[in-house]
Amino acid sequence: MLNEVTPLILTYNEAPNIDRTLQFLKWAKTIVVIDSDSNDETLEILQFYPQVKVFKRKFDTHAKQWNYGLEQVESKWVLSLDADYIVTADLKAEIINLPADGQIDGYFARFKYCVFGKPLRGTILPPRQVLFRKDKAVYLDDGHTQLLQLAGKSATLTGYIHHDDRKPLNRWLWAQDRYMVIEVKKLLETPMSNLSWSDRIRRQKILAPLIILVYCLILKGGILDGWHGWYYAFQRILAEILLAIRLIEAEKIKI
């Protein structure tokens, strides 16, 4: 199966992460990278990997960026990865044994969030459809991120992807604030009846930061991960607070 798979990665100033991600993709004959005008060492790092093909495209939306990436892939199967995703040995072994021409058209993978390289017991990251047939897939925008629309049958892999983002705090804050502006637009423009239960809670502004603290530390067992678990919980609380502030700002300006 691996011979039929091309990893597809989006980058923008991913120097703290991309080398580590590529180290676990040395098995790939070709890796397609869509770069959004990085101005750090990302492009220099990519040059050290001969199987990497870099395409530059100015960023507009995640869906358009991913769909452009799909156009550059020549293999039947795509492995869609963020620049801070690590394909674990167990997941790689599982992909090797998958039938390239079976009845399944796409596979979901589960995640383990890492704090400074340490995988946590739990995460709020839902499974994501990362491995799929190119000719049956298209990306749609969904708030600050994207949603893969797949025509066909799906299954879930047992192996994990490690989400190991080591960008500095100022970059994380910049990204989260940018995401929340887009997320606010989605929350305010979508009828309440069409929102998920979690997004309905987020619309209330006050409850979400409190609930995420309990969810990360207690329900997901983060408190057992020591300071790594607290760090992750603080990150998620801060993200929800940023969203609440942006929601209040948008509602007051609208009034």
Protein backbone atom coordinates (compact mmCIF):
# COMPACT_ATOMS: atom_id res chain seq x y z
CA MET A 1 0.00 0.00 0.00
CA LEU A 2 2.80 2.47 0.84
CA ASN A 3 3.89 2.63 -2.81
CA GLU A 4 0.43 3.98 -3.67
CA VAL A 5 0.46 6.73 -1.00
CA THR A 6 1.67 10.33 -1.29
CA PRO A 7 1.87 12.42 1.91
CA LEU A 8 0.42 15.91 1.38
CA ILE A 9 1.45 18.69 3.79
CA LEU A 10 0.63 22.40 4.08
CA THR A 11 3.33 24.69 5.46
CA TYR A 12 3.73 28.26 6.62
CA ASN A 13 6.74 29.00 8.83
CA GLU A 14 6.95 25.46 10.16
CA ALA A 15 10.70 25.37 10.83
CA PRO A 16 10.20 24.16 14.45
CA ASN A 17 8.20 21.15 13.23
CA ILE A 18 8.67 20.14 9.60
CA ASP A 19 12.02 18.34 9.89
CA ARG A 20 10.68 16.09 12.65
CA THR A 21 7.58 15.30 10.59
CA LEU A 22 9.60 14.44 7.47
CA GLN A 23 11.93 12.18 9.44
CA PHE A 24 8.99 9.80 9.87
CA LEU A 25 8.06 9.93 6.16
CA LYS A 26 11.32 8.71 4.64
CA TRP A 27 9.44 5.70 3.27
CA ALA A 28 7.49 7.89 0.84
CA LYS A 29 8.64 8.04 -2.79
CA THR A 30 7.09 11.49 -3.16
CA ILE A 31 5.93 14.07 -0.62
CA VAL A 32 3.89 17.03 -1.85
CA VAL A 33 4.23 20.26 0.16
CA ILE A 34 2.09 23.35 -0.46
CA ASP A 35 3.84 26.35 1.05
CA SER A 36 2.13 29.67 1.80
CA ASP A 37 5.15 31.97 1.39
CA SER A 38 7.15 30.87 4.43
CA ASN A 39 9.81 33.37 5.47
CA ASP A 40 11.62 31.30 8.08
CA GLU A 41 13.85 28.24 7.48
CA THR A 42 11.00 25.98 6.30
CA LEU A 43 11.98 25.99 2.61
CA GLU A 44 15.64 25.41 3.44
CA ILE A 45 14.74 22.36 5.52
CA LEU A 46 12.56 20.96 2.74
CA GLN A 47 15.52 21.06 0.36
CA PHE A 48 17.27 18.35 2.41
CA TYR A 49 14.60 15.82 1.38
CA PRO A 50 14.93 14.85 -2.30
CA GLN A 51 11.49 13.23 -2.43
CA VAL A 52 9.78 16.49 -1.46
CA LYS A 53 8.06 18.49 -4.21
CA VAL A 54 7.31 22.05 -3.11
CA PHE A 55 4.50 24.09 -4.66
CA LYS A 56 3.96 27.68 -3.58
CA ARG A 57 0.47 29.16 -3.30
CA LYS A 58 -0.73 32.26 -1.49
CA PHE A 59 -3.08 31.21 1.30
CA ASP A 60 -6.77 32.12 1.08
CA THR A 61 -8.69 29.27 2.74
CA HIS A 62 -7.69 25.88 4.05
CA ALA A 63 -10.06 24.04 1.70
CA LYS A 64 -8.71 25.77 -1.40
CA GLN A 65 -5.16 25.15 -0.26
CA TRP A 66 -5.79 21.44 0.32
CA ASN A 67 -7.69 21.04 -2.96
CA TYR A 68 -4.79 22.65 -4.80
CA GLY A 69 -2.54 20.15 -3.10
CA LEU A 70 -4.71 17.25 -4.25
CA GLU A 71 -4.25 18.43 -7.83
CA GLN A 72 -0.48 18.00 -7.48
CA VAL A 73 -0.68 14.41 -6.18
CA GLU A 74 -0.13 11.73 -8.82
CA SER A 75 -0.73 8.59 -6.74
CA LYS A 76 -4.08 6.91 -6.07
CA TRP A 77 -3.95 7.49 -2.33
CA VAL A 78 -3.25 10.63 -0.28
CA LEU A 79 -2.00 10.86 3.30
CA SER A 80 -3.12 14.31 4.44
CA LEU A 81 -0.92 15.67 7.23
CA ASP A 82 -0.37 18.90 9.10
CA ALA A 83 3.26 19.97 9.39
CA ASP A 84 3.34 18.96 13.07
CA TYR A 85 1.93 15.43 12.64
CA ILE A 86 4.10 12.40 13.34
CA VAL A 87 3.18 9.12 11.62
CA THR A 88 3.96 6.53 14.30
CA ALA A 89 5.59 3.19 13.55
CA ASP A 90 2.35 1.35 14.42
CA LEU A 91 0.35 3.45 11.98
CA LYS A 92 2.93 3.00 9.24
CA ALA A 93 2.86 -0.79 9.73
CA GLU A 94 -0.92 -0.75 9.56
CA ILE A 95 -0.93 1.23 6.31
CA ILE A 96 1.55 -1.21 4.76
CA ASN A 97 -0.94 -4.04 5.21
CA LEU A 98 -3.95 -2.18 3.81
CA PRO A 99 -5.27 -3.35 0.41
CA ALA A 100 -4.72 -0.66 -2.24
CA ASP A 101 -7.79 -1.77 -4.19
CA GLY A 102 -10.14 -2.85 -1.40
CA GLN A 103 -13.68 -1.76 -0.61
CA ILE A 104 -12.66 1.08 1.72
CA ASP A 105 -12.10 4.53 0.21
CA GLY A 106 -10.86 6.43 3.25
CA TYR A 107 -9.44 5.86 6.73
CA PHE A 108 -9.73 7.91 9.91
CA ALA A 109 -6.77 8.13 12.28
CA ARG A 110 -6.86 8.97 15.98
CA PHE A 111 -4.51 11.43 17.63
CA LYS A 112 -2.34 11.75 20.69
CA TYR A 113 -1.45 15.34 21.54
CA CYS A 114 2.15 15.87 22.59
CA VAL A 115 3.53 18.55 24.90
CA PHE A 116 7.24 19.04 24.25
CA GLY A 117 7.36 15.55 22.76
CA LYS A 118 5.43 13.74 25.50
CA PRO A 119 2.18 12.07 24.32
CA LEU A 120 -0.73 12.81 26.67
CA ARG A 121 -3.30 10.31 27.88
CA GLY A 122 -6.17 12.22 26.32
CA THR A 123 -6.90 14.95 23.80
CA ILE A 124 -9.84 16.94 22.50
CA LEU A 125 -8.71 16.25 18.94
CA PRO A 126 -11.30 14.11 17.13
CA PRO A 127 -10.28 11.40 14.64
CA ARG A 128 -9.55 12.83 11.20
CA GLN A 129 -9.83 11.20 7.80
CA VAL A 130 -6.20 11.38 6.75
CA LEU A 131 -5.80 8.51 4.25
CA PHE A 132 -8.09 8.41 1.24
CA ARG A 133 -8.45 7.84 -2.48
CA LYS A 134 -7.63 11.03 -4.33
CA ASP A 135 -10.34 10.66 -6.96
CA LYS A 136 -13.13 10.43 -4.36
CA ALA A 137 -12.22 13.36 -2.14
CA VAL A 138 -12.73 17.11 -1.99
CA TYR A 139 -12.19 19.60 0.81
CA LEU A 140 -14.80 22.07 2.09
CA ASP A 141 -14.19 25.00 4.42
CA ASP A 142 -15.50 24.53 7.97
CA GLY A 143 -14.88 27.46 10.27
CA HIS A 144 -11.14 28.03 10.76
CA THR A 145 -10.29 24.60 9.39
CA GLN A 146 -11.44 22.24 6.65
CA LEU A 147 -13.73 19.24 6.20
CA LEU A 148 -12.98 16.35 3.88
CA GLN A 149 -15.95 15.17 1.83
CA LEU A 150 -15.42 11.59 0.68
CA ALA A 151 -17.57 9.65 -1.75
CA GLY A 152 -17.37 6.07 -0.53
CA LYS A 153 -16.87 3.85 2.51
CA SER A 154 -14.66 4.74 5.46
CA ALA A 155 -12.99 2.87 8.30
CA THR A 156 -10.88 3.79 11.34
CA LEU A 157 -7.26 2.78 11.81
CA THR A 158 -6.00 1.53 15.17
CA GLY A 159 -2.62 3.30 15.00
CA TYR A 160 -2.16 6.86 16.21
CA ILE A 161 -0.79 10.08 14.77
CA HIS A 162 1.12 12.22 17.25
CA HIS A 163 0.31 15.94 17.10
CA ASP A 164 3.59 17.47 18.25
CA ASP A 165 3.57 21.24 17.70
CA ARG A 166 6.67 22.95 19.06
CA LYS A 167 6.22 26.46 17.69
CA PRO A 168 6.86 29.22 20.27
CA LEU A 169 4.02 30.69 22.32
CA ASN A 170 3.86 33.97 20.39
CA ARG A 171 3.30 32.06 17.14
CA TRP A 172 0.68 29.85 18.80
CA LEU A 173 -1.18 32.93 20.07
CA TRP A 174 -1.04 34.55 16.63
CA ALA A 175 -2.46 31.44 14.99
CA GLN A 176 -5.18 30.93 17.60
CA ASP A 177 -6.38 34.52 17.33
CA ARG A 178 -6.52 34.23 13.55
CA TYR A 179 -8.46 30.97 13.83
CA MET A 180 -10.92 32.45 16.31
CA VAL A 181 -11.83 35.34 14.03
CA ILE A 182 -12.90 32.78 11.41
CA GLU A 183 -14.57 30.58 14.02
CA VAL A 184 -16.63 33.53 15.31
CA LYS A 185 -17.94 34.15 11.80
CA LYS A 186 -19.06 30.53 11.57
CA LEU A 187 -20.72 30.54 15.02
CA LEU A 188 -22.62 33.78 14.44
CA GLU A 189 -23.72 33.03 10.89
CA THR A 190 -24.89 29.47 11.55
CA PRO A 191 -28.41 29.04 13.02
CA MET A 192 -28.26 27.73 16.59
CA SER A 193 -30.25 24.64 15.59
CA ASN A 194 -27.55 23.69 13.09
CA LEU A 195 -24.66 23.99 15.54
CA SER A 196 -23.17 21.02 17.36
CA TRP A 197 -23.69 20.83 21.13
CA SER A 198 -20.08 21.94 21.70
CA ASP A 199 -20.48 24.98 19.43
CA ARG A 200 -23.73 25.90 21.20
CA ILE A 201 -21.81 25.94 24.49
CA ARG A 202 -19.09 28.06 22.89
CA ARG A 203 -21.73 30.58 21.77
CA GLN A 204 -22.56 31.14 25.46
CA LYS A 205 -18.96 32.37 25.99
CA ILE A 206 -18.71 31.88 29.78
CA LEU A 207 -19.17 28.12 30.12
CA ALA A 208 -16.72 26.84 27.49
CA PRO A 209 -13.44 27.78 29.28
CA LEU A 210 -14.68 26.19 32.52
CA ILE A 211 -15.92 23.04 30.83
CA ILE A 212 -12.71 22.57 28.85
CA LEU A 213 -10.69 22.69 32.09
CA VAL A 214 -12.70 19.83 33.60
CA TYR A 215 -12.73 17.95 30.30
CA CYS A 216 -8.96 18.06 29.77
CA LEU A 217 -7.84 17.43 33.35
CA ILE A 218 -10.52 15.05 34.65
CA LEU A 219 -12.41 13.37 31.83
CA LYS A 220 -9.32 13.01 29.63
CA GLY A 221 -6.98 12.24 32.52
CA GLY A 222 -4.66 15.18 31.91
CA ILE A 223 -4.07 15.63 35.61
CA LEU A 224 -2.21 12.29 35.56
CA ASP A 225 0.21 13.69 32.97
CA GLY A 226 1.65 16.16 35.46
CA TRP A 227 2.71 19.58 34.22
CA HIS A 228 2.36 18.42 30.60
CA GLY A 229 -1.35 17.87 31.19
CA TRP A 230 -1.76 21.22 32.91
CA TYR A 231 0.08 22.94 30.05
CA TYR A 232 -2.32 21.43 27.51
CA ALA A 233 -5.34 22.37 29.62
CA PHE A 234 -4.09 25.96 29.94
CA GLN A 235 -3.64 26.11 26.15
CA ARG A 236 -7.20 24.97 25.51
CA ILE A 237 -8.64 27.32 28.15
CA LEU A 238 -6.77 30.26 26.63
CA ALA A 239 -8.06 29.35 23.16
CA GLU A 240 -11.65 29.33 24.45
CA ILE A 241 -11.13 32.65 26.24
CA LEU A 242 -9.83 34.18 23.00
CA LEU A 243 -12.93 32.89 21.22
CA ALA A 244 -15.22 34.32 23.91
CA ILE A 245 -13.53 37.73 23.68
CA ARG A 246 -13.83 37.71 19.90
CA LEU A 247 -17.51 36.74 20.15
CA ILE A 248 -18.26 39.59 22.54
CA GLU A 249 -16.39 42.03 20.32
CA ALA A 250 -18.24 40.89 17.19
CA GLU A 251 -21.65 41.09 18.90
CA LYS A 252 -21.01 44.57 20.30
CA ILE A 253 -19.73 45.92 17.01
CA LYS A 254 -22.77 44.44 15.26
CA ILE A 255 -25.07 46.16 17.74
